[in-house]
N, C-alpha and C. Protein backbone atom coordinates (compact mmCIF):
# COMPACT_ATOMS: atom_id res chain seq x y z
N UNK A 1 -73.30 182.54 15.66
CA UNK A 1 -73.45 183.21 14.40
C UNK A 1 -74.70 184.06 14.47
N UNK A 2 -74.60 185.34 14.11
CA UNK A 2 -75.76 186.21 14.16
C UNK A 2 -76.86 185.74 13.22
N UNK A 3 -78.09 185.94 13.64
CA UNK A 3 -79.24 185.55 12.82
C UNK A 3 -79.19 186.29 11.49
N UNK A 4 -79.51 185.58 10.42
CA UNK A 4 -79.54 186.19 9.10
C UNK A 4 -78.20 186.18 8.38
N UNK A 5 -77.15 185.79 9.05
CA UNK A 5 -75.84 185.73 8.43
C UNK A 5 -75.62 184.34 7.87
N UNK A 6 -75.16 184.24 6.63
CA UNK A 6 -74.96 182.94 6.01
C UNK A 6 -73.78 182.22 6.64
N UNK A 7 -73.79 180.89 6.50
CA UNK A 7 -72.68 180.09 7.01
C UNK A 7 -71.37 180.49 6.34
N UNK A 8 -71.44 180.78 5.04
CA UNK A 8 -70.23 181.16 4.32
C UNK A 8 -69.65 182.45 4.88
N UNK A 9 -70.51 183.43 5.18
CA UNK A 9 -70.05 184.69 5.76
C UNK A 9 -69.45 184.45 7.14
N UNK A 10 -70.10 183.60 7.91
CA UNK A 10 -69.60 183.26 9.24
C UNK A 10 -68.23 182.59 9.14
N UNK A 11 -68.08 181.66 8.21
CA UNK A 11 -66.80 180.97 8.03
C UNK A 11 -65.73 181.95 7.56
N UNK A 12 -66.09 182.89 6.68
CA UNK A 12 -65.14 183.91 6.25
C UNK A 12 -64.66 184.74 7.44
N UNK A 13 -65.58 185.14 8.31
CA UNK A 13 -65.21 185.89 9.52
C UNK A 13 -64.27 185.08 10.40
N UNK A 14 -64.60 183.81 10.56
CA UNK A 14 -63.76 182.93 11.39
C UNK A 14 -62.36 182.82 10.80
N UNK A 15 -62.27 182.62 9.49
CA UNK A 15 -60.96 182.50 8.84
C UNK A 15 -60.17 183.80 8.96
N UNK A 16 -60.85 184.94 8.89
CA UNK A 16 -60.19 186.23 9.06
C UNK A 16 -59.58 186.34 10.45
N UNK A 17 -60.30 185.89 11.46
CA UNK A 17 -59.78 185.92 12.83
C UNK A 17 -58.54 185.04 12.95
N UNK A 18 -58.60 183.84 12.36
CA UNK A 18 -57.44 182.93 12.41
C UNK A 18 -56.24 183.56 11.71
N UNK A 19 -56.46 184.18 10.55
CA UNK A 19 -55.36 184.83 9.83
C UNK A 19 -54.81 186.02 10.61
N UNK A 20 -55.69 186.79 11.24
CA UNK A 20 -55.24 187.91 12.07
C UNK A 20 -54.36 187.42 13.22
N UNK A 21 -54.75 186.31 13.82
CA UNK A 21 -53.93 185.74 14.90
C UNK A 21 -52.57 185.30 14.37
N UNK A 22 -52.56 184.68 13.20
CA UNK A 22 -51.29 184.25 12.60
C UNK A 22 -50.41 185.44 12.28
N UNK A 23 -51.02 186.57 11.86
CA UNK A 23 -50.25 187.77 11.54
C UNK A 23 -49.55 188.36 12.76
N UNK A 24 -50.08 188.10 13.93
CA UNK A 24 -49.41 188.56 15.15
C UNK A 24 -48.67 187.40 15.83
N UNK A 25 -48.37 186.39 15.01
CA UNK A 25 -47.56 185.25 15.40
C UNK A 25 -48.18 184.39 16.50
N UNK A 26 -49.50 184.26 16.46
CA UNK A 26 -50.20 183.33 17.34
C UNK A 26 -50.71 182.20 16.46
N UNK A 27 -50.14 181.03 16.65
CA UNK A 27 -50.51 179.86 15.84
C UNK A 27 -51.61 179.09 16.56
N UNK A 28 -52.72 178.91 15.87
CA UNK A 28 -53.82 178.12 16.40
C UNK A 28 -53.86 176.82 15.60
N UNK A 29 -53.55 175.69 16.25
CA UNK A 29 -53.49 174.43 15.50
C UNK A 29 -54.89 173.99 15.05
N UNK A 30 -54.90 173.07 14.14
CA UNK A 30 -56.13 172.64 13.47
C UNK A 30 -57.20 172.16 14.46
N UNK A 31 -56.80 171.36 15.43
CA UNK A 31 -57.77 170.83 16.39
C UNK A 31 -58.38 171.96 17.23
N UNK A 32 -57.57 172.94 17.61
CA UNK A 32 -58.09 174.07 18.37
C UNK A 32 -59.03 174.92 17.52
N UNK A 33 -58.74 175.04 16.23
CA UNK A 33 -59.63 175.78 15.33
C UNK A 33 -61.00 175.10 15.28
N UNK A 34 -60.99 173.77 15.22
CA UNK A 34 -62.24 173.02 15.21
C UNK A 34 -63.04 173.32 16.47
N UNK A 35 -62.38 173.26 17.61
CA UNK A 35 -63.07 173.53 18.87
C UNK A 35 -63.61 174.94 18.91
N UNK A 36 -62.82 175.90 18.45
CA UNK A 36 -63.30 177.29 18.43
C UNK A 36 -64.51 177.43 17.53
N UNK A 37 -64.40 176.89 16.34
CA UNK A 37 -65.49 177.00 15.38
C UNK A 37 -66.76 176.34 15.89
N UNK A 38 -66.63 175.17 16.45
CA UNK A 38 -67.81 174.43 16.89
C UNK A 38 -68.37 174.91 18.22
N UNK A 39 -67.52 175.02 19.20
CA UNK A 39 -68.01 175.27 20.55
C UNK A 39 -68.35 176.73 20.82
N UNK A 40 -67.71 177.63 20.15
CA UNK A 40 -67.92 179.04 20.44
C UNK A 40 -68.85 179.70 19.45
N UNK A 41 -68.70 179.38 18.18
CA UNK A 41 -69.34 180.24 17.20
C UNK A 41 -70.55 179.69 16.47
N UNK A 42 -70.79 178.40 16.50
CA UNK A 42 -71.94 177.89 15.77
C UNK A 42 -73.22 178.02 16.60
N UNK A 43 -74.33 178.32 15.94
CA UNK A 43 -75.60 178.43 16.66
C UNK A 43 -76.12 177.07 17.11
N UNK A 44 -77.08 177.09 17.98
CA UNK A 44 -77.60 175.85 18.56
C UNK A 44 -78.25 174.94 17.52
N UNK A 45 -78.63 175.45 16.38
CA UNK A 45 -79.25 174.60 15.36
C UNK A 45 -78.28 173.53 14.85
N UNK A 46 -77.00 173.67 15.16
CA UNK A 46 -76.00 172.69 14.73
C UNK A 46 -75.60 171.74 15.85
N UNK A 47 -76.32 171.75 16.96
CA UNK A 47 -75.95 170.91 18.10
C UNK A 47 -75.91 169.42 17.76
N UNK A 48 -76.88 168.93 17.00
CA UNK A 48 -76.88 167.50 16.69
C UNK A 48 -75.70 167.13 15.79
N UNK A 49 -75.35 168.00 14.87
CA UNK A 49 -74.18 167.75 14.02
C UNK A 49 -72.91 167.79 14.87
N UNK A 50 -72.85 168.72 15.78
CA UNK A 50 -71.71 168.82 16.68
C UNK A 50 -71.53 167.53 17.47
N UNK A 51 -72.62 167.02 18.04
CA UNK A 51 -72.56 165.76 18.79
C UNK A 51 -72.05 164.62 17.91
N UNK A 52 -72.58 164.54 16.70
CA UNK A 52 -72.19 163.47 15.79
C UNK A 52 -70.70 163.52 15.46
N UNK A 53 -70.18 164.73 15.26
CA UNK A 53 -68.79 164.89 14.88
C UNK A 53 -67.82 164.64 16.03
N UNK A 54 -68.19 165.04 17.22
CA UNK A 54 -67.26 165.02 18.35
C UNK A 54 -67.21 163.67 19.06
N UNK A 55 -68.35 163.12 19.41
CA UNK A 55 -68.36 161.94 20.27
C UNK A 55 -67.92 160.70 19.53
N UNK A 56 -67.07 159.91 20.19
CA UNK A 56 -66.59 158.67 19.62
C UNK A 56 -65.41 158.84 18.68
N UNK A 57 -64.79 160.01 18.67
CA UNK A 57 -63.65 160.24 17.80
C UNK A 57 -62.45 160.64 18.63
N UNK A 58 -61.28 160.23 18.19
CA UNK A 58 -60.06 160.63 18.87
C UNK A 58 -59.55 161.97 18.37
N UNK A 59 -59.82 162.27 17.10
CA UNK A 59 -59.38 163.54 16.54
C UNK A 59 -60.39 164.00 15.49
N UNK A 60 -60.29 165.25 15.16
CA UNK A 60 -61.23 165.85 14.22
C UNK A 60 -60.51 166.99 13.51
N UNK A 61 -60.58 167.01 12.19
CA UNK A 61 -59.91 168.08 11.46
C UNK A 61 -60.91 169.16 11.06
N UNK A 62 -60.39 170.34 10.83
CA UNK A 62 -61.23 171.45 10.40
C UNK A 62 -61.89 171.13 9.05
N UNK A 63 -61.17 170.48 8.17
CA UNK A 63 -61.73 170.11 6.86
C UNK A 63 -62.93 169.17 7.01
N UNK A 64 -62.85 168.23 7.96
CA UNK A 64 -63.98 167.32 8.18
C UNK A 64 -65.21 168.08 8.67
N UNK A 65 -64.99 169.05 9.54
CA UNK A 65 -66.10 169.84 10.06
C UNK A 65 -66.72 170.68 8.96
N UNK A 66 -65.88 171.35 8.18
CA UNK A 66 -66.38 172.17 7.07
C UNK A 66 -67.19 171.32 6.11
N UNK A 67 -66.67 170.15 5.75
CA UNK A 67 -67.38 169.27 4.82
C UNK A 67 -68.72 168.84 5.38
N UNK A 68 -68.77 168.47 6.65
CA UNK A 68 -70.03 168.06 7.26
C UNK A 68 -71.04 169.19 7.28
N UNK A 69 -70.59 170.40 7.59
CA UNK A 69 -71.51 171.54 7.62
C UNK A 69 -72.03 171.88 6.23
N UNK A 70 -71.15 171.83 5.24
CA UNK A 70 -71.60 172.11 3.88
C UNK A 70 -72.56 171.02 3.38
N UNK A 71 -72.30 169.76 3.72
CA UNK A 71 -73.21 168.68 3.33
C UNK A 71 -74.58 168.85 4.00
N UNK A 72 -74.57 169.25 5.26
CA UNK A 72 -75.83 169.49 5.96
C UNK A 72 -76.61 170.61 5.28
N UNK A 73 -75.91 171.67 4.91
CA UNK A 73 -76.57 172.79 4.23
C UNK A 73 -77.12 172.35 2.87
N UNK A 74 -76.35 171.59 2.12
CA UNK A 74 -76.80 171.12 0.81
C UNK A 74 -78.01 170.21 0.95
N UNK A 75 -77.98 169.31 1.91
CA UNK A 75 -79.11 168.41 2.15
C UNK A 75 -80.37 169.21 2.47
N UNK A 76 -80.24 170.20 3.31
CA UNK A 76 -81.38 171.04 3.68
C UNK A 76 -81.92 171.78 2.46
N UNK A 77 -81.01 172.27 1.63
CA UNK A 77 -81.40 172.99 0.41
C UNK A 77 -82.13 172.07 -0.56
N UNK A 78 -81.60 170.84 -0.74
CA UNK A 78 -82.22 169.88 -1.65
C UNK A 78 -83.58 169.41 -1.14
N UNK A 79 -83.71 169.26 0.18
CA UNK A 79 -84.99 168.86 0.76
C UNK A 79 -86.04 169.94 0.57
N UNK A 80 -85.59 171.19 0.47
CA UNK A 80 -86.50 172.30 0.25
C UNK A 80 -86.91 172.44 -1.20
N UNK A 81 -86.31 171.63 -2.07
CA UNK A 81 -86.67 171.63 -3.48
C UNK A 81 -85.86 172.58 -4.33
N UNK A 82 -84.96 173.35 -3.74
CA UNK A 82 -84.18 174.30 -4.51
C UNK A 82 -82.76 173.84 -4.71
N UNK A 83 -82.10 174.41 -5.68
CA UNK A 83 -80.68 174.13 -5.92
C UNK A 83 -79.93 175.35 -5.59
């Protein structure tokens, strides 16, 4: 993710790519979307979250990853004193 770009903007870009692929009849299943989102596009600041989500699990859904990333962002925001 480029520096200065919000996670929401990054996720919107990612979703646009997935929809573009579907429009040309390329289906990317949920587990592959998770791998693409995590392994290719997230910056290194999310490495510890990535490790926590991936290791010791048999499967992982995109919704679980999104929820974990949003919770991490909210926690960081609350620790900074802002809402």
